[in-house]
């Protein structure tokens, strides 16, 4: 599409060509005219004047004018071509500048895009790092909380263990105290019982002594200071099963037989009231210290 400078150049060249042709036509007309318009007319006669026109000169002038027009036309065409080349160069330069500007704008945009991408990547990495640190902090906090809970559980467990141990110690101490008190009570009871039994046993021995002495028919050979140990076998109720000399006896044979007969004569030894000290086999020392 032609630009306005091209249109103006073509119009100028066309106008110049028309002007040259008009100038040539004017020269031809002027060369053939009689330039005496103000000459007084001759009233007498008809005068015929012949004008000799040198056509070669006109042709030269016309050729010169044509050549001038052609030179001018060529000059205008060269100028127009130069103008076109200048415009094309200018357009090329403008296009080059435009491309440079576009390339520069593209490079700037790409640089901005890279910067934006780098900024986004950096922001993303920073966000990832922040999230990672936050997760690590949360993990550390959870670990601390778990450790604290575990510590509290361990402390509570230790406290429960200590409490249980203290309770067990107190219970053991109570049991020991109760056992000690029971032992003391049992010991006291045993001592009391032993005292009672000892007294009861002494009374039992005295009762047997009294029964045997009551049933004893003292022989003439029996002397005061008699001591004779007997082994008596009986059953519950006091019934005598057997009696025998079981140890030292300082009496003669008649005295010994009389003592055994006294034990068997009664048939039974004291029993009622003496159940706690009753034994199937008893060692009894018969004593006689005189009347």
Protein backbone atom coordinates (compact mmCIF):
# COMPACT_ATOMS: atom_id res chain seq x y z
CA UNK A 1 0.00 0.00 0.00
CA UNK A 2 1.57 3.39 -1.14
CA UNK A 3 2.25 5.91 1.59
CA UNK A 4 1.34 9.57 1.52
CA UNK A 5 4.92 10.64 0.61
CA UNK A 6 4.77 8.30 -2.42
CA UNK A 7 1.45 9.83 -3.49
CA UNK A 8 2.77 13.38 -3.10
CA UNK A 9 5.93 12.50 -5.12
CA UNK A 10 3.88 11.02 -7.95
CA UNK A 11 1.59 14.06 -8.03
CA UNK A 12 4.59 16.38 -8.19
CA UNK A 13 6.12 14.37 -11.06
CA UNK A 14 2.80 14.36 -12.97
CA UNK A 15 2.36 18.11 -12.44
CA UNK A 16 5.92 18.73 -13.61
CA UNK A 17 5.36 16.75 -16.83
CA UNK A 18 2.17 18.66 -17.58
CA UNK A 19 3.98 21.92 -16.93
CA UNK A 20 6.80 21.02 -19.35
CA UNK A 21 4.30 20.11 -22.10
CA UNK A 22 2.37 23.32 -21.53
CA UNK A 23 5.64 25.29 -21.71
CA UNK A 24 6.61 23.63 -25.00
CA UNK A 25 3.22 24.34 -26.51
CA UNK A 26 3.46 27.94 -25.43
CA UNK A 27 6.89 28.31 -27.00
CA UNK A 28 5.58 26.94 -30.31
CA UNK A 29 2.61 29.28 -30.29
CA UNK A 30 4.74 32.23 -29.36
CA UNK A 31 7.19 31.44 -32.12
CA UNK A 32 4.46 31.56 -34.76
CA UNK A 33 2.73 34.75 -33.58
CA UNK A 34 3.35 38.29 -34.89
CA UNK A 35 4.13 40.37 -31.82
CA UNK A 36 2.83 43.71 -33.12
CA UNK A 37 -0.56 44.01 -31.56
CA UNK A 38 -0.31 47.71 -31.11
CA UNK A 39 0.81 48.44 -34.72
CA UNK A 40 -1.51 50.90 -36.54
CA UNK A 41 -3.56 49.39 -39.29
CA UNK A 42 -2.85 50.39 -42.90
CA UNK A 43 -6.03 51.48 -44.56
CA UNK A 44 -4.64 51.26 -48.02
CA UNK A 45 -4.25 48.01 -49.76
CA UNK A 46 -3.72 44.49 -48.59
CA UNK A 47 -0.24 43.74 -47.65
CA UNK A 48 0.80 40.11 -47.40
CA UNK A 49 3.78 39.54 -45.28
CA UNK A 50 5.43 36.16 -45.13
CA UNK A 51 7.14 35.02 -41.98
CA UNK A 52 9.70 32.32 -42.35
CA UNK A 53 9.77 30.06 -39.39
CA UNK A 54 12.91 28.12 -38.70
CA UNK A 55 11.45 24.75 -37.76
CA UNK A 56 14.83 23.25 -36.97
CA UNK A 57 15.35 25.75 -34.23
CA UNK A 58 11.90 25.01 -32.86
CA UNK A 59 12.67 21.35 -33.08
CA UNK A 60 15.90 21.93 -31.18
CA UNK A 61 14.08 23.92 -28.60
CA UNK A 62 11.39 21.32 -28.43
CA UNK A 63 14.01 18.55 -28.11
CA UNK A 64 15.86 20.55 -25.51
CA UNK A 65 12.64 21.12 -23.64
CA UNK A 66 11.79 17.44 -24.01
CA UNK A 67 15.21 16.50 -22.75
CA UNK A 68 14.87 18.94 -19.93
CA UNK A 69 11.49 17.45 -19.10
CA UNK A 70 12.96 13.96 -19.31
CA UNK A 71 15.93 14.95 -17.15
CA UNK A 72 13.56 16.56 -14.73
CA UNK A 73 11.37 13.46 -14.89
CA UNK A 74 14.37 11.20 -14.31
CA UNK A 75 15.54 13.47 -11.54
CA UNK A 76 12.11 13.37 -9.98
CA UNK A 77 11.99 9.61 -10.45
CA UNK A 78 15.46 9.28 -8.91
CA UNK A 79 14.38 11.61 -6.13
CA UNK A 80 11.18 9.63 -5.76
CA UNK A 81 13.16 6.37 -5.78
CA UNK A 82 15.63 7.82 -3.29
CA UNK A 83 12.71 9.02 -1.21
CA UNK A 84 11.20 5.57 -1.42
CA UNK A 85 14.54 4.03 -0.49
CA UNK A 86 14.86 6.56 2.35
CA UNK A 87 11.33 5.79 3.44
CA UNK A 88 11.98 2.07 3.10
CA UNK A 89 15.19 2.49 5.06
CA UNK A 90 13.32 4.58 7.58
CA UNK A 91 10.57 1.99 7.67
CA UNK A 92 13.20 -0.75 7.95
CA UNK A 93 14.88 1.17 10.73
CA UNK A 94 11.51 1.74 12.35
CA UNK A 95 10.70 -1.92 11.87
CA UNK A 96 14.11 -2.79 13.25
CA UNK A 97 13.55 -0.44 16.17
CA UNK A 98 10.10 -1.89 16.60
CA UNK A 99 11.55 -5.40 16.56
CA UNK A 100 14.30 -4.28 18.91
CA UNK A 101 11.68 -2.72 21.12
CA UNK A 102 9.58 -5.87 20.93
CA UNK A 103 12.65 -7.99 21.63
CA UNK A 104 13.61 -5.66 24.45
CA UNK A 105 10.04 -5.73 25.73
CA UNK A 106 10.04 -9.50 25.34
CA UNK A 107 13.39 -9.76 27.13
CA UNK A 108 12.08 -7.46 29.86
CA UNK A 109 8.88 -9.50 30.08
CA UNK A 110 10.87 -12.73 30.14
CA UNK A 111 13.18 -11.22 32.75
CA UNK A 112 10.15 -10.10 34.74
CA UNK A 113 8.61 -13.54 34.27
CA UNK A 114 11.85 -15.16 35.44
CA UNK A 115 12.04 -12.77 38.35
CA UNK A 116 8.39 -13.47 39.13
CA UNK A 117 9.03 -17.20 38.84
CA UNK A 118 12.14 -16.93 41.00
CA UNK A 119 10.20 -14.81 43.48
CA UNK A 120 7.37 -17.34 43.50
CA UNK A 121 9.86 -20.19 43.87
CA UNK A 122 11.61 -18.34 46.70
CA UNK A 123 8.27 -17.58 48.34
CA UNK A 124 7.24 -21.21 47.87
CA UNK A 125 10.53 -22.41 49.36
CA UNK A 126 10.18 -19.94 52.21
CA UNK A 127 6.62 -21.13 52.78
CA UNK A 128 7.74 -24.75 52.62
CA UNK A 129 10.58 -23.96 55.02
CA UNK A 130 8.17 -22.14 57.32
CA UNK A 131 5.75 -25.06 57.20
CA UNK A 132 8.62 -27.49 57.80
CA UNK A 133 9.84 -25.48 60.77
CA UNK A 134 6.26 -25.20 62.02
CA UNK A 135 5.85 -28.97 61.70
CA UNK A 136 9.15 -29.50 63.49
CA UNK A 137 8.08 -27.09 66.23
CA UNK A 138 4.74 -28.88 66.50
CA UNK A 139 6.55 -32.22 66.66
CA UNK A 140 8.92 -30.86 69.31
CA UNK A 141 5.95 -29.42 71.22
CA UNK A 142 4.07 -32.71 70.92
CA UNK A 143 7.17 -34.61 72.03
CA UNK A 144 7.57 -32.25 74.97
CA UNK A 145 3.91 -32.59 75.84
CA UNK A 146 4.15 -36.37 75.49
CA UNK A 147 7.31 -36.35 77.62
CA UNK A 148 5.56 -34.14 80.17
CA UNK A 149 2.55 -36.44 80.19
CA UNK A 150 4.88 -39.43 80.51
CA UNK A 151 6.75 -37.67 83.32
CA UNK A 152 3.49 -36.92 85.09
CA UNK A 153 2.37 -40.51 84.58
CA UNK A 154 5.71 -41.77 85.89
CA UNK A 155 5.49 -39.34 88.81
CA UNK A 156 1.93 -40.44 89.51
CA UNK A 157 2.94 -44.08 89.15
CA UNK A 158 5.88 -43.54 91.49
CA UNK A 159 3.59 -41.71 93.87
CA UNK A 160 1.13 -44.58 93.72
CA UNK A 161 3.96 -47.04 94.22
CA UNK A 162 5.29 -45.02 97.15
CA UNK A 163 1.77 -44.72 98.54
CA UNK A 164 1.22 -48.44 98.07
CA UNK A 165 4.61 -49.19 99.63
CA UNK A 166 3.79 -46.87 102.51
CA UNK A 167 0.41 -48.51 102.88
CA UNK A 168 2.04 -51.91 102.73
CA UNK A 169 4.67 -50.77 105.20
CA UNK A 170 1.97 -49.38 107.48
CA UNK A 171 -0.07 -52.55 106.99
CA UNK A 172 3.00 -54.68 107.67
CA UNK A 173 3.81 -52.55 110.69
CA UNK A 174 0.22 -52.87 111.85
CA UNK A 175 0.34 -56.59 111.29
CA UNK A 176 3.66 -56.78 113.07
CA UNK A 177 2.26 -54.73 115.89
CA UNK A 178 -0.85 -56.87 115.95
CA UNK A 179 1.29 -60.00 115.73
CA UNK A 180 3.54 -58.67 118.46
CA UNK A 181 0.54 -57.74 120.54
CA UNK A 182 -0.99 -61.13 119.82
CA UNK A 183 2.33 -62.81 120.57
CA UNK A 184 2.62 -60.88 123.80
CA UNK A 185 -0.99 -61.70 124.58
CA UNK A 186 -0.39 -65.32 123.69
CA UNK A 187 2.81 -65.30 125.69
CA UNK A 188 1.01 -63.72 128.58
CA UNK A 189 -1.85 -66.17 128.11
CA UNK A 190 0.63 -69.01 127.82
CA UNK A 191 2.43 -67.78 130.87
CA UNK A 192 -0.87 -67.41 132.65
CA UNK A 193 -1.97 -70.77 131.31
CA UNK A 194 1.36 -72.29 132.18
CA UNK A 195 0.99 -70.86 135.65
CA UNK A 196 -2.52 -72.18 135.81
CA UNK A 197 -1.41 -75.53 134.42
CA UNK A 198 1.56 -75.61 136.73
CA UNK A 199 -0.74 -74.92 139.63
CA UNK A 200 -3.24 -77.37 138.18
CA UNK A 201 -0.48 -79.91 137.61
CA UNK A 202 0.75 -79.44 141.15
CA UNK A 203 -2.80 -79.84 142.39
CA UNK A 204 -3.17 -82.90 140.14
CA UNK A 205 0.01 -84.41 141.60
CA UNK A 206 -1.21 -83.58 145.08
CA UNK A 207 -4.60 -85.17 144.35
CA UNK A 208 -2.94 -88.35 143.04
CA UNK A 209 -0.64 -88.33 146.09
CA UNK A 210 -3.63 -88.01 148.37
CA UNK A 211 -5.56 -90.84 146.67
CA UNK A 212 -2.57 -93.18 146.59
CA UNK A 213 -1.64 -92.33 150.19
CA UNK A 214 -5.22 -92.89 151.26
CA UNK A 215 -5.26 -96.32 149.57
CA UNK A 216 -1.73 -97.24 150.77
CA UNK A 217 -1.40 -99.86 153.38
CA UNK A 218 1.98 -98.95 154.86
CA UNK A 219 4.08 -102.00 155.63
CA UNK A 220 6.15 -102.11 158.81
CA UNK A 221 9.34 -101.81 156.81
CA UNK A 222 8.39 -98.46 155.29
CA UNK A 223 10.56 -95.69 156.59
CA UNK A 224 10.06 -91.90 156.60
CA UNK A 225 11.73 -90.08 153.71
CA UNK A 226 10.43 -92.54 151.17
CA UNK A 227 10.73 -91.48 147.52
CA UNK A 228 9.54 -93.79 144.80
CA UNK A 229 8.97 -92.88 141.08
CA UNK A 230 6.12 -94.66 139.38
CA UNK A 231 4.98 -94.90 135.69
CA UNK A 232 1.17 -95.00 135.53
CA UNK A 233 -0.84 -95.67 132.35
CA UNK A 234 -4.47 -94.51 132.40
CA UNK A 235 -7.34 -93.70 130.09
CA UNK A 236 -9.59 -90.61 130.01
CA UNK A 237 -11.69 -90.71 133.13
CA UNK A 238 -8.69 -91.65 135.30
CA UNK A 239 -9.04 -95.46 135.08
CA UNK A 240 -5.65 -97.03 135.75
CA UNK A 241 -4.47 -99.54 133.19
CA UNK A 242 -1.07 -100.31 134.71
CA UNK A 243 1.47 -99.04 137.23
CA UNK A 244 5.16 -99.83 137.62
CA UNK A 245 8.27 -98.60 139.36
CA UNK A 246 9.98 -96.40 136.72
CA UNK A 247 12.91 -94.94 138.55
CA UNK A 248 14.61 -94.65 141.86
CA UNK A 249 12.78 -95.96 144.85
CA UNK A 250 14.40 -96.12 148.32
CA UNK A 251 11.85 -98.53 149.70
CA UNK A 252 12.22 -102.26 150.05
CA UNK A 253 10.33 -104.79 147.98
CA UNK A 254 7.38 -104.95 150.33
CA UNK A 255 7.10 -101.16 150.29
CA UNK A 256 7.23 -101.06 146.49
CA UNK A 257 4.48 -103.70 146.20
CA UNK A 258 2.36 -101.83 148.69
CA UNK A 259 2.68 -98.59 146.71
CA UNK A 260 1.71 -100.30 143.42
CA UNK A 261 -1.19 -101.99 145.15
CA UNK A 262 -2.36 -98.62 146.52
CA UNK A 263 -2.39 -97.22 142.94
CA UNK A 264 -4.33 -100.16 141.56
CA UNK A 265 -6.62 -100.49 144.59
CA UNK A 266 -8.37 -97.24 143.89
CA UNK A 267 -9.13 -98.31 140.34
CA UNK A 268 -9.09 -94.73 139.06
CA UNK A 269 -7.08 -91.56 139.60
CA UNK A 270 -8.52 -88.05 139.93
CA UNK A 271 -9.78 -86.79 136.51
CA UNK A 272 -12.63 -84.32 136.73
CA UNK A 273 -11.26 -80.79 136.89
CA UNK A 274 -7.85 -81.96 135.74
CA UNK A 275 -8.69 -82.55 132.02
CA UNK A 276 -6.21 -79.88 130.84
CA UNK A 277 -3.29 -81.62 132.51
CA UNK A 278 -4.46 -85.15 131.85
CA UNK A 279 -1.94 -87.49 130.18
CA UNK A 280 -2.24 -91.17 129.37
CA UNK A 281 1.21 -91.83 130.78
CA UNK A 282 2.38 -89.94 133.82
CA UNK A 283 5.41 -90.16 136.02
CA UNK A 284 4.33 -89.93 139.64
CA UNK A 285 6.69 -89.68 142.63
CA UNK A 286 5.20 -91.20 145.75
CA UNK A 287 6.41 -89.43 148.89
CA UNK A 288 6.27 -90.52 152.49
CA UNK A 289 7.88 -88.38 155.20
CA UNK A 290 6.38 -90.15 158.19
CA UNK A 291 3.27 -89.61 160.25
